[in-house]
């Protein structure tokens, strides 16, 4: 499975060949017909189309039919007229047929040769065993294979002109070429692509331009690794609606509402198809359930002068909403200081501005806005977050009250008082403490020894 030649190139090639074959054969037949058309003795022997048509001049009876090589017929019997014309037609038709057969053989030979040089795609399923055949060679042909210019190192086996790969995966992708032994002439080139059958796509639809129309988008949960096409069909009230492909997103289409406030449901079917298989998924919905505006735009938050707890927030309705006056929007505001995780909410009816009055002074806030149709649908996603800090009063400058005009008196630091030390004797006379020199104890000890 999965052999898909380049159809556009092949169609163009065969169209050119058939055209050339037709021109050459027509030219050959025309030239052979003209070979038998001449004049004899000034009399007309036939029409411009050659001898296979009725002669118009009855005066040719008894005259010799002449060609460029000389007399063609010498019969002068009027009865030979029909036989001569029949022979001429047979000769012309035989030459034309031979020319066409030769040219057809040349075209077929060239096509086979060209198919050996042009790479063809072969798509195979992940995990399967793959067989690639080398062109149109017989089963007993001896060939060798290469992948991306090198020998095939993956697990494989050869079966005549066939290469068999077992349990393939993405690592087997590549350009495979086969060469006929013993001359090593290349006979075929195959681009092997390993992939999977697509699974059911995930489909979602939304109207962000109500009441103008809606869009649907889809994606696959798992990639197929090979080219996959998608077909989308939208039905409403037993009618197939026109779809328009998105210019930017490949897997997205746009649909116009055939009517507004319809009670009939819509049905969208998406089919994914590749060379290995296909899968489909369909959803049904009512008009009001898919209405969801885009987020508000140009959200701005600014502090209010001299108000340390207020922030002024403004925004504009989404530019994609086509008729704000006929289909008004309401808004939902949320805000919180960065130091906290809990949001505060305010729901507003059609207003595009709001003043926050309970902000914490000096704290930075994060602010977002959402939009919704006043009657149907769901809330939009949150707008891009903006940051703002309430007004902060400028700190007052503290001035010194010291009069520097009077000279300051020079002061000296007072000496540090001596720390008291323990005394070894009694209280000195007069209550004063007299420190004893280091030699006093020695003298006292000497006196005591002498007195003994």
Protein backbone atom coordinates (compact mmCIF):
# COMPACT_ATOMS: atom_id res chain seq x y z
CA UNK A 1 0.00 0.00 0.00
CA UNK A 2 0.93 3.62 -0.24
CA UNK A 3 2.57 3.80 -3.67
CA UNK A 4 1.64 7.31 -4.82
CA UNK A 5 3.50 8.70 -7.86
CA UNK A 6 3.57 12.45 -8.42
CA UNK A 7 0.23 12.69 -10.21
CA UNK A 8 0.61 16.19 -11.58
CA UNK A 9 3.99 15.49 -13.17
CA UNK A 10 2.86 12.13 -14.53
CA UNK A 11 -0.31 13.60 -16.02
CA UNK A 12 1.61 16.40 -17.70
CA UNK A 13 4.20 13.97 -19.06
CA UNK A 14 1.64 11.61 -20.60
CA UNK A 15 -0.36 14.50 -22.00
CA UNK A 16 2.71 15.78 -23.83
CA UNK A 17 3.53 12.30 -25.13
CA UNK A 18 0.02 11.71 -26.45
CA UNK A 19 -0.05 15.10 -28.08
CA UNK A 20 3.28 14.45 -29.79
CA UNK A 21 2.06 11.02 -30.92
CA UNK A 22 -1.09 12.51 -32.41
CA UNK A 23 0.78 15.26 -34.24
CA UNK A 24 3.39 12.92 -35.68
CA UNK A 25 0.88 10.31 -36.80
CA UNK A 26 -1.39 12.90 -38.33
CA UNK A 27 1.52 14.49 -40.13
CA UNK A 28 2.71 11.11 -41.43
CA UNK A 29 -0.71 10.13 -42.74
CA UNK A 30 -1.17 13.49 -44.38
CA UNK A 31 2.18 13.25 -46.12
CA UNK A 32 1.42 9.75 -47.44
CA UNK A 33 -1.92 10.90 -48.77
CA UNK A 34 -0.25 13.79 -50.51
CA UNK A 35 2.26 11.39 -52.11
CA UNK A 36 -0.43 9.99 -54.36
CA UNK A 37 -1.96 13.33 -55.28
CA UNK A 38 -0.58 14.80 -58.52
CA UNK A 39 -1.79 16.00 -61.80
CA UNK A 40 -1.47 14.02 -65.01
CA UNK A 41 -1.46 15.98 -68.24
CA UNK A 42 -2.86 18.96 -66.43
CA UNK A 43 -6.00 17.16 -65.25
CA UNK A 44 -7.01 16.97 -61.59
CA UNK A 45 -6.81 13.44 -60.22
CA UNK A 46 -8.28 13.99 -56.76
CA UNK A 47 -9.06 16.29 -53.89
CA UNK A 48 -6.64 17.82 -51.38
CA UNK A 49 -7.29 14.94 -48.94
CA UNK A 50 -5.62 12.34 -51.19
CA UNK A 51 -6.68 9.38 -53.29
CA UNK A 52 -9.00 7.86 -50.70
CA UNK A 53 -11.81 10.22 -51.77
CA UNK A 54 -13.80 10.13 -54.96
CA UNK A 55 -12.15 11.58 -58.01
CA UNK A 56 -13.91 14.62 -59.36
CA UNK A 57 -12.56 14.75 -62.90
CA UNK A 58 -13.96 12.02 -65.12
CA UNK A 59 -11.44 12.97 -67.78
CA UNK A 60 -8.76 10.84 -66.15
CA UNK A 61 -10.03 7.70 -67.91
CA UNK A 62 -7.39 6.21 -70.14
CA UNK A 63 -4.64 8.32 -68.62
CA UNK A 64 -1.65 7.19 -66.61
CA UNK A 65 -1.65 7.92 -62.82
CA UNK A 66 1.69 9.52 -62.05
CA UNK A 67 3.56 9.85 -58.73
CA UNK A 68 6.87 11.51 -57.84
CA UNK A 69 8.70 8.22 -58.39
CA UNK A 70 7.06 7.69 -61.79
CA UNK A 71 4.09 5.79 -63.11
CA UNK A 72 2.18 4.16 -60.30
CA UNK A 73 -0.48 2.40 -62.30
CA UNK A 74 -0.45 1.65 -66.02
CA UNK A 75 -3.99 0.41 -66.21
CA UNK A 76 -6.12 2.27 -68.70
CA UNK A 77 -9.23 0.22 -68.21
CA UNK A 78 -11.91 2.32 -66.60
CA UNK A 79 -12.89 -0.72 -64.57
CA UNK A 80 -9.63 -0.38 -62.61
CA UNK A 81 -10.72 2.87 -61.04
CA UNK A 82 -12.14 1.40 -57.81
CA UNK A 83 -9.30 -1.07 -57.35
CA UNK A 84 -6.66 1.65 -57.72
CA UNK A 85 -8.28 3.87 -55.13
CA UNK A 86 -8.62 0.98 -52.68
CA UNK A 87 -4.93 0.08 -53.05
CA UNK A 88 -3.98 3.68 -52.45
CA UNK A 89 -6.05 3.83 -49.24
CA UNK A 90 -4.58 0.57 -47.94
CA UNK A 91 -1.02 1.77 -48.52
CA UNK A 92 -1.66 5.09 -46.78
CA UNK A 93 -3.41 3.53 -43.77
CA UNK A 94 -0.70 0.88 -43.39
CA UNK A 95 2.04 3.51 -43.28
CA UNK A 96 0.16 5.59 -40.73
CA UNK A 97 -0.48 2.55 -38.50
CA UNK A 98 3.17 1.51 -38.58
CA UNK A 99 4.22 5.03 -37.63
CA UNK A 100 1.85 5.09 -34.66
CA UNK A 101 2.99 1.66 -33.43
CA UNK A 102 6.65 2.69 -33.53
CA UNK A 103 6.00 5.95 -31.74
CA UNK A 104 3.89 4.22 -29.08
CA UNK A 105 6.69 1.72 -28.44
CA UNK A 106 9.17 4.58 -28.06
CA UNK A 107 6.88 6.39 -25.61
CA UNK A 108 6.37 3.27 -23.47
CA UNK A 109 10.10 2.54 -23.38
CA UNK A 110 10.85 6.12 -22.42
CA UNK A 111 8.18 6.07 -19.71
CA UNK A 112 9.62 2.90 -18.17
CA UNK A 113 13.10 4.36 -18.24
CA UNK A 114 11.87 7.59 -16.70
CA UNK A 115 10.05 5.73 -13.92
CA UNK A 116 13.36 4.16 -12.93
CA UNK A 117 14.99 7.57 -12.48
CA UNK A 118 12.19 9.50 -10.76
CA UNK A 119 11.72 8.63 -7.07
CA UNK A 120 8.29 7.45 -6.01
CA UNK A 121 6.76 7.60 -2.54
CA UNK A 122 5.84 4.51 -0.57
CA UNK A 123 3.93 4.96 2.71
CA UNK A 124 3.89 2.17 5.29
CA UNK A 125 2.42 1.70 8.76
CA UNK A 126 4.53 1.95 11.89
CA UNK A 127 5.54 -1.49 13.22
CA UNK A 128 4.65 -3.42 10.07
CA UNK A 129 6.83 -5.43 7.67
CA UNK A 130 7.57 -3.56 4.44
CA UNK A 131 8.32 -4.95 0.98
CA UNK A 132 9.82 -2.75 -1.76
CA UNK A 133 10.14 -4.07 -5.30
CA UNK A 134 12.84 -2.95 -7.70
CA UNK A 135 10.92 -1.59 -10.68
CA UNK A 136 9.62 -4.09 -13.24
CA UNK A 137 12.38 -6.68 -12.90
CA UNK A 138 11.58 -10.39 -13.03
CA UNK A 139 11.38 -12.46 -9.85
CA UNK A 140 14.75 -14.13 -10.50
CA UNK A 141 16.63 -10.84 -10.96
CA UNK A 142 19.65 -10.18 -8.75
CA UNK A 143 19.79 -6.68 -7.24
CA UNK A 144 21.51 -4.76 -4.47
CA UNK A 145 19.93 -2.00 -2.35
CA UNK A 146 21.17 1.23 -0.77
CA UNK A 147 19.46 3.72 1.53
CA UNK A 148 20.53 7.37 1.42
CA UNK A 149 23.58 6.31 -0.58
CA UNK A 150 24.86 3.70 1.90
CA UNK A 151 24.29 -0.01 2.47
CA UNK A 152 21.10 -1.06 4.24
CA UNK A 153 22.09 -1.78 7.85
CA UNK A 154 18.60 -2.33 9.31
CA UNK A 155 17.25 -5.85 9.69
CA UNK A 156 16.16 -6.98 6.23
CA UNK A 157 16.15 -9.81 3.74
CA UNK A 158 16.33 -10.02 -0.05
CA UNK A 159 13.76 -11.89 -2.12
CA UNK A 160 14.84 -11.56 -5.76
CA UNK A 161 14.22 -7.93 -6.74
CA UNK A 162 12.42 -7.26 -3.42
CA UNK A 163 13.75 -5.76 -0.20
CA UNK A 164 11.86 -6.78 2.95
CA UNK A 165 12.20 -4.68 6.14
CA UNK A 166 10.77 -6.01 9.41
CA UNK A 167 9.00 -4.07 12.15
CA UNK A 168 9.71 -0.63 10.68
CA UNK A 169 9.80 2.63 12.61
CA UNK A 170 10.71 6.25 11.85
CA UNK A 171 14.37 5.26 11.62
CA UNK A 172 13.62 3.38 8.39
CA UNK A 173 12.59 6.56 6.56
CA UNK A 174 14.87 7.36 3.65
CA UNK A 175 15.67 7.21 -0.06
CA UNK A 176 16.07 3.60 -1.20
CA UNK A 177 17.72 2.77 -4.55
CA UNK A 178 18.12 -0.63 -6.20
CA UNK A 179 20.82 -1.63 -8.71
CA UNK A 180 20.74 -4.62 -11.02
CA UNK A 181 23.71 -6.98 -10.84
CA UNK A 182 26.30 -7.42 -12.20
CA UNK A 183 26.55 -4.07 -14.01
CA UNK A 184 25.15 -2.05 -11.10
CA UNK A 185 22.66 -0.11 -13.21
CA UNK A 186 20.07 1.72 -11.13
CA UNK A 187 16.59 0.37 -11.75
CA UNK A 188 14.34 2.09 -9.21
CA UNK A 189 14.25 4.74 -6.48
CA UNK A 190 11.76 4.74 -3.61
CA UNK A 191 11.16 7.28 -0.85
CA UNK A 192 9.98 5.27 2.15
CA UNK A 193 7.77 7.16 4.64
CA UNK A 194 6.68 5.49 7.88
CA UNK A 195 3.54 6.78 9.61
CA UNK A 196 0.26 5.94 11.29
CA UNK A 197 -3.42 5.98 10.43
CA UNK A 198 -5.00 9.22 11.70
CA UNK A 199 -7.22 9.04 14.74
CA UNK A 200 -10.38 11.02 15.31
CA UNK A 201 -9.58 14.75 15.24
CA UNK A 202 -10.53 17.05 18.12
CA UNK A 203 -12.98 19.67 16.80
CA UNK A 204 -14.15 22.93 18.39
CA UNK A 205 -16.23 25.84 17.05
CA UNK A 206 -16.66 29.40 18.29
CA UNK A 207 -18.31 32.66 17.23
CA UNK A 208 -16.24 35.72 18.11
CA UNK A 209 -17.91 37.80 15.37
CA UNK A 210 -21.55 37.25 16.26
CA UNK A 211 -23.93 37.62 14.43
CA UNK A 212 -21.68 37.56 11.35
CA UNK A 213 -20.35 34.01 11.50
CA UNK A 214 -18.22 31.45 13.32
CA UNK A 215 -15.06 29.43 12.85
CA UNK A 216 -14.06 25.84 13.55
CA UNK A 217 -10.59 24.47 14.24
CA UNK A 218 -9.26 20.98 14.81
CA UNK A 219 -6.12 19.03 15.62
CA UNK A 220 -4.88 15.47 16.05
CA UNK A 221 -3.91 14.20 19.46
CA UNK A 222 -1.08 12.17 17.91
CA UNK A 223 0.94 13.06 14.79
CA UNK A 224 0.76 10.73 11.79
CA UNK A 225 4.30 11.60 10.55
CA UNK A 226 3.09 11.53 6.92
CA UNK A 227 1.06 14.04 4.87
CA UNK A 228 -2.53 14.14 6.10
CA UNK A 229 -5.41 16.00 4.49
CA UNK A 230 -8.61 17.21 6.15
CA UNK A 231 -12.10 17.56 4.72
CA UNK A 232 -14.72 19.64 6.54
CA UNK A 233 -18.47 19.60 5.98
CA UNK A 234 -20.88 21.97 7.76
CA UNK A 235 -24.63 21.36 7.68
CA UNK A 236 -27.56 23.41 8.93
CA UNK A 237 -31.21 22.52 8.46
CA UNK A 238 -30.33 19.81 5.88
CA UNK A 239 -28.25 22.28 3.91
CA UNK A 240 -24.51 22.09 3.30
CA UNK A 241 -22.92 25.47 4.00
CA UNK A 242 -19.96 27.01 2.19
CA UNK A 243 -16.71 27.06 4.15
CA UNK A 244 -13.69 29.30 3.68
CA UNK A 245 -10.18 28.23 4.62
CA UNK A 246 -8.24 30.46 6.97
CA UNK A 247 -5.32 32.27 5.33
CA UNK A 248 -3.01 31.80 8.31
CA UNK A 249 -4.02 28.66 10.20
CA UNK A 250 -4.01 25.46 8.20
CA UNK A 251 -6.53 23.63 10.39
CA UNK A 252 -9.20 26.33 10.58
CA UNK A 253 -12.25 27.30 8.49
CA UNK A 254 -14.78 30.14 8.58
CA UNK A 255 -18.56 29.91 8.06
CA UNK A 256 -21.19 32.63 7.71
CA UNK A 257 -24.42 32.32 9.67
CA UNK A 258 -27.22 31.61 7.16
CA UNK A 259 -29.67 33.17 9.62
CA UNK A 260 -29.71 34.68 13.12
CA UNK A 261 -31.60 33.28 16.12
CA UNK A 262 -32.02 29.94 14.38
CA UNK A 263 -33.44 27.04 16.36
CA UNK A 264 -31.87 24.41 14.07
CA UNK A 265 -28.55 22.96 15.26
CA UNK A 266 -25.34 23.04 13.26
CA UNK A 267 -23.34 19.89 12.48
CA UNK A 268 -19.62 19.96 11.64
CA UNK A 269 -17.84 16.83 10.41
CA UNK A 270 -14.04 16.69 9.99
CA UNK A 271 -12.36 13.77 8.20
CA UNK A 272 -8.61 13.18 8.38
CA UNK A 273 -7.15 11.15 5.49
CA UNK A 274 -3.67 9.99 4.54
CA UNK A 275 -2.17 7.18 2.46
CA UNK A 276 -2.75 4.65 5.26
CA UNK A 277 -6.36 5.36 6.19
CA UNK A 278 -8.87 7.90 7.50
CA UNK A 279 -10.89 8.86 10.59
CA UNK A 280 -13.83 11.22 11.13
CA UNK A 281 -15.39 13.13 14.00
CA UNK A 282 -18.57 15.24 14.09
CA UNK A 283 -20.00 17.73 16.60
CA UNK A 284 -23.42 19.38 16.82
CA UNK A 285 -24.24 22.66 18.55
CA UNK A 286 -26.76 25.45 18.73
CA UNK A 287 -25.98 28.96 17.65
CA UNK A 288 -26.11 30.52 21.11
CA UNK A 289 -23.76 27.99 22.72
CA UNK A 290 -20.67 28.96 20.69
CA UNK A 291 -20.84 32.75 21.12
CA UNK A 292 -17.67 33.86 22.90
CA UNK A 293 -16.13 37.31 22.29
CA UNK A 294 -12.43 38.03 22.18
CA UNK A 295 -10.92 39.70 25.28
CA UNK A 296 -11.26 43.48 25.70
CA UNK A 297 -8.45 45.55 24.24
CA UNK A 298 -6.33 48.57 25.28
CA UNK A 299 -6.72 48.01 29.01
CA UNK A 300 -5.15 50.95 30.90
CA UNK A 301 -4.86 51.50 34.66
CA UNK A 302 -3.67 54.85 36.05
CA UNK A 303 -3.38 56.31 39.60
CA UNK A 304 -5.63 59.20 40.61
CA UNK A 305 -3.67 62.20 41.94
CA UNK A 306 -3.89 62.75 45.68
CA UNK A 307 -5.89 59.51 46.12
CA UNK A 308 -3.69 56.86 47.65
CA UNK A 309 -6.34 54.08 47.44
CA UNK A 310 -7.78 54.60 43.96
CA UNK A 311 -6.98 53.39 40.44
CA UNK A 312 -8.80 54.37 37.25
CA UNK A 313 -9.21 51.45 34.77
CA UNK A 314 -10.45 51.80 31.16
CA UNK A 315 -10.63 49.53 28.08
CA UNK A 316 -12.26 49.15 24.66
CA UNK A 317 -14.52 46.42 23.30
CA UNK A 318 -12.83 43.77 21.11
CA UNK A 319 -12.34 44.96 17.54
CA UNK A 320 -13.56 41.59 16.18
CA UNK A 321 -17.05 42.16 17.64
CA UNK A 322 -18.85 43.70 14.64
CA UNK A 323 -21.99 45.29 16.10
CA UNK A 324 -21.49 46.55 19.66
CA UNK A 325 -24.53 48.81 19.51
CA UNK A 326 -26.93 46.08 18.34
CA UNK A 327 -25.34 43.27 20.36
CA UNK A 328 -23.84 44.99 23.45
CA UNK A 329 -21.27 43.41 25.73
CA UNK A 330 -20.93 43.35 29.49
CA UNK A 331 -17.61 43.15 31.30
CA UNK A 332 -15.99 41.49 34.28
CA UNK A 333 -13.08 43.16 36.09
CA UNK A 334 -10.68 41.44 38.45
CA UNK A 335 -7.73 42.90 40.38
CA UNK A 336 -5.40 42.04 43.24
CA UNK A 337 -2.16 43.32 44.79
CA UNK A 338 0.93 41.36 43.88
CA UNK A 339 1.49 40.47 47.52
CA UNK A 340 -1.80 38.51 47.63
CA UNK A 341 -3.25 35.59 45.64
CA UNK A 342 -6.94 36.35 46.11
CA UNK A 343 -8.74 38.29 43.36
CA UNK A 344 -11.43 40.90 43.81
CA UNK A 345 -14.18 41.00 41.15
CA UNK A 346 -16.55 43.60 39.75
CA UNK A 347 -19.21 42.89 37.06
CA UNK A 348 -20.10 45.87 34.88
CA UNK A 349 -22.99 46.40 32.46
CA UNK A 350 -21.77 47.82 29.14
CA UNK A 351 -19.45 50.32 30.85
CA UNK A 352 -15.86 50.42 29.60
CA UNK A 353 -14.29 52.01 32.68
CA UNK A 354 -14.21 51.53 36.44
CA UNK A 355 -12.59 53.18 39.47
CA UNK A 356 -11.04 50.92 42.09
CA UNK A 357 -11.58 52.55 45.49
CA UNK A 358 -10.22 49.96 47.91
CA UNK A 359 -6.62 49.63 46.75
CA UNK A 360 -3.88 49.26 49.33
CA UNK A 361 -1.76 52.37 49.44
CA UNK A 362 1.68 51.95 47.92
CA UNK A 363 1.09 48.39 46.62
CA UNK A 364 1.37 47.35 42.98
CA UNK A 365 -1.80 45.83 41.46
CA UNK A 366 -2.43 43.44 38.58
CA UNK A 367 -5.67 44.04 36.61
CA UNK A 368 -7.57 42.07 33.88
CA UNK A 369 -10.93 42.36 32.08
CA UNK A 370 -13.24 39.84 30.31
CA UNK A 371 -16.26 40.36 28.02
CA UNK A 372 -19.55 38.55 27.24
CA UNK A 373 -22.67 39.10 25.20
CA UNK A 374 -25.37 40.48 27.46
CA UNK A 375 -27.78 37.64 26.68
CA UNK A 376 -26.13 34.53 25.18
CA UNK A 377 -22.79 32.75 25.06
CA UNK A 378 -19.90 32.51 27.49
CA UNK A 379 -17.26 34.85 28.93
CA UNK A 380 -14.18 35.63 26.90
CA UNK A 381 -10.67 34.83 28.00
CA UNK A 382 -9.00 37.38 30.28
CA UNK A 383 -7.29 40.35 28.70
CA UNK A 384 -3.57 40.93 28.86
CA UNK A 385 -2.67 41.83 32.46
CA UNK A 386 -1.70 45.42 33.27
CA UNK A 387 0.11 46.66 36.38
CA UNK A 388 -0.45 49.90 38.30
CA UNK A 389 0.30 51.43 41.72
CA UNK A 390 -1.97 53.95 43.49
CA UNK A 391 -0.87 57.55 43.98
CA UNK A 392 1.91 58.01 46.50
CA UNK A 393 2.34 61.32 48.39
CA UNK A 394 5.81 62.82 48.23
CA UNK A 395 7.60 62.53 51.64
CA UNK A 396 7.95 65.88 53.54
CA UNK A 397 11.49 67.28 53.86
CA UNK A 398 12.54 67.60 57.50
CA UNK A 399 14.47 70.89 58.22
CA UNK A 400 16.91 71.42 61.18
CA UNK A 401 15.90 73.93 64.02
CA UNK A 402 19.48 74.44 65.37
CA UNK A 403 20.69 78.06 65.15
CA UNK A 404 24.12 77.83 63.67
CA UNK A 405 24.76 81.55 63.98
CA UNK A 406 25.99 81.25 67.59
CA UNK A 407 29.49 79.81 68.06
CA UNK A 408 29.63 76.41 69.65
CA UNK A 409 31.73 76.11 72.85
CA UNK A 410 34.67 73.82 72.62
CA UNK A 411 34.26 70.86 74.88
CA UNK A 412 36.65 68.18 75.99
CA UNK A 413 35.66 64.68 76.94
CA UNK A 414 35.76 64.05 80.72
CA UNK A 415 38.28 61.48 81.92
CA UNK A 416 36.96 58.00 82.45
CA UNK A 417 36.61 57.19 86.14
CA UNK A 418 38.99 54.57 87.56
CA UNK A 419 37.33 51.24 88.05
CA UNK A 420 37.43 50.14 91.73
CA UNK A 421 39.79 47.38 92.62
CA UNK A 422 39.57 45.08 95.62
CA UNK A 423 41.48 46.19 98.79
CA UNK A 424 43.76 43.90 100.83
CA UNK A 425 43.96 46.00 104.03
CA UNK A 426 41.60 47.97 106.13
CA UNK A 427 40.24 51.34 105.42
CA UNK A 428 42.98 53.92 105.00
CA UNK A 429 43.37 56.85 107.40
CA UNK A 430 41.11 59.63 106.41
CA UNK A 431 39.05 57.20 104.44
CA UNK A 432 41.39 57.47 101.48
CA UNK A 433 42.79 54.52 99.69
CA UNK A 434 46.59 54.57 99.47
CA UNK A 435 48.04 51.99 97.15
CA UNK A 436 51.05 50.08 98.59
CA UNK A 437 54.14 49.67 96.47
CA UNK A 438 55.16 46.21 95.30
CA UNK A 439 58.17 46.07 97.74
CA UNK A 440 56.13 46.63 100.95
CA UNK A 441 55.17 42.99 101.52
CA UNK A 442 58.81 41.96 101.20
CA UNK A 443 59.93 44.42 103.84
CA UNK A 444 57.24 43.25 106.23
CA UNK A 445 58.29 39.65 105.80
CA UNK A 446 61.98 40.52 106.48
CA UNK A 447 61.11 42.34 109.70
CA UNK A 448 59.17 39.35 110.94
CA UNK A 449 62.08 37.00 110.28
CA UNK A 450 64.54 39.22 112.15
CA UNK A 451 62.30 39.52 115.16
CA UNK A 452 62.15 35.75 115.58
